[in-house]
Amino acid sequence: MNQQQIDRINALARKAKTPEGLTEEERAEQAVLRRAYIDSVVGNLKGQLDNTVIVDEKGHRRKLREKKEGE
């Protein structure tokens, strides 16, 4: 996600709040851009968590792992 796309998301959000609102094409564009933004944020968070380690009281380091169902 680049700054130009974020600026476009913000421009569409501002226009949606005006009395004229968004056209159908702009609504579709807004939905695509929002989905790309959310996917970007989730991907960045997963990358951050993949590189996170926990240090226990004995000084042992271990990587975070996904929680399994039932834990």
Protein backbone atom coordinates (compact mmCIF):
# COMPACT_ATOMS: atom_id res chain seq x y z
CA MET A 1 0.00 0.00 0.00
CA ASN A 2 1.56 3.29 -1.04
CA GLN A 3 0.83 6.84 0.05
CA GLN A 4 -1.05 7.64 -3.15
CA GLN A 5 -3.53 4.82 -2.46
CA ILE A 6 -3.99 5.96 1.16
CA ASP A 7 -4.60 9.51 -0.04
CA ARG A 8 -7.22 8.20 -2.48
CA ILE A 9 -8.96 6.25 0.33
CA ASN A 10 -9.09 9.45 2.40
CA ALA A 11 -10.37 11.52 -0.55
CA LEU A 12 -13.17 9.02 -1.17
CA ALA A 13 -14.06 8.99 2.54
CA ARG A 14 -14.31 12.79 2.56
CA LYS A 15 -16.42 12.79 -0.59
CA ALA A 16 -18.74 10.14 0.87
CA LYS A 17 -19.57 12.55 3.71
CA THR A 18 -20.67 15.30 1.31
CA PRO A 19 -24.30 15.65 0.18
CA GLU A 20 -23.45 14.39 -3.32
CA GLY A 21 -21.88 11.17 -1.98
CA LEU A 22 -20.06 8.57 -4.05
CA THR A 23 -20.95 7.10 -7.43
CA GLU A 24 -21.24 3.33 -7.81
CA GLU A 25 -17.79 3.22 -9.44
CA GLU A 26 -16.28 5.19 -6.57
CA ARG A 27 -17.93 2.89 -4.01
CA ALA A 28 -16.44 -0.12 -5.78
CA GLU A 29 -13.02 1.57 -5.91
CA GLN A 30 -13.30 2.43 -2.20
CA ALA A 31 -14.12 -1.19 -1.32
CA VAL A 32 -11.12 -2.49 -3.28
CA LEU A 33 -8.76 0.06 -1.72
CA ARG A 34 -10.06 -0.62 1.80
CA ARG A 35 -9.58 -4.38 1.33
CA ALA A 36 -6.02 -3.81 0.09
CA TYR A 37 -5.31 -1.58 3.10
CA ILE A 38 -6.67 -4.13 5.57
CA ASP A 39 -4.69 -6.94 3.91
CA SER A 40 -1.56 -4.78 4.11
CA VAL A 41 -2.04 -4.08 7.83
CA VAL A 42 -2.73 -7.74 8.62
CA GLY A 43 0.32 -8.83 6.62
CA ASN A 44 2.54 -6.34 8.43
CA LEU A 45 1.22 -7.50 11.81
CA LYS A 46 1.82 -11.17 10.96
CA GLY A 47 5.36 -10.33 9.89
CA GLN A 48 5.96 -8.50 13.15
CA LEU A 49 4.58 -11.38 15.22
CA ASP A 50 6.64 -13.93 13.26
CA ASN A 51 9.77 -12.14 14.45
CA THR A 52 8.68 -11.80 18.08
CA VAL A 53 10.22 -13.92 20.81
CA ILE A 54 9.21 -14.45 24.41
CA VAL A 55 11.85 -14.67 27.13
CA ASP A 56 10.78 -16.68 30.17
CA GLU A 57 11.98 -16.17 33.74
CA LYS A 58 14.95 -18.53 33.15
CA GLY A 59 16.08 -16.52 30.13
CA HIS A 60 14.97 -19.07 27.53
CA ARG A 61 13.85 -17.50 24.28
CA ARG A 62 11.09 -18.98 22.19
CA LYS A 63 9.16 -17.80 19.17
CA LEU A 64 5.48 -17.08 19.32
CA ARG A 65 3.30 -19.76 17.80
CA GLU A 66 -0.28 -19.85 16.68
CA LYS A 67 -2.72 -20.92 19.33
CA LYS A 68 -4.42 -24.20 18.49
CA GLU A 69 -8.12 -24.69 19.03
CA GLY A 70 -8.80 -25.78 22.59
CA GLU A 71 -5.77 -24.07 24.16
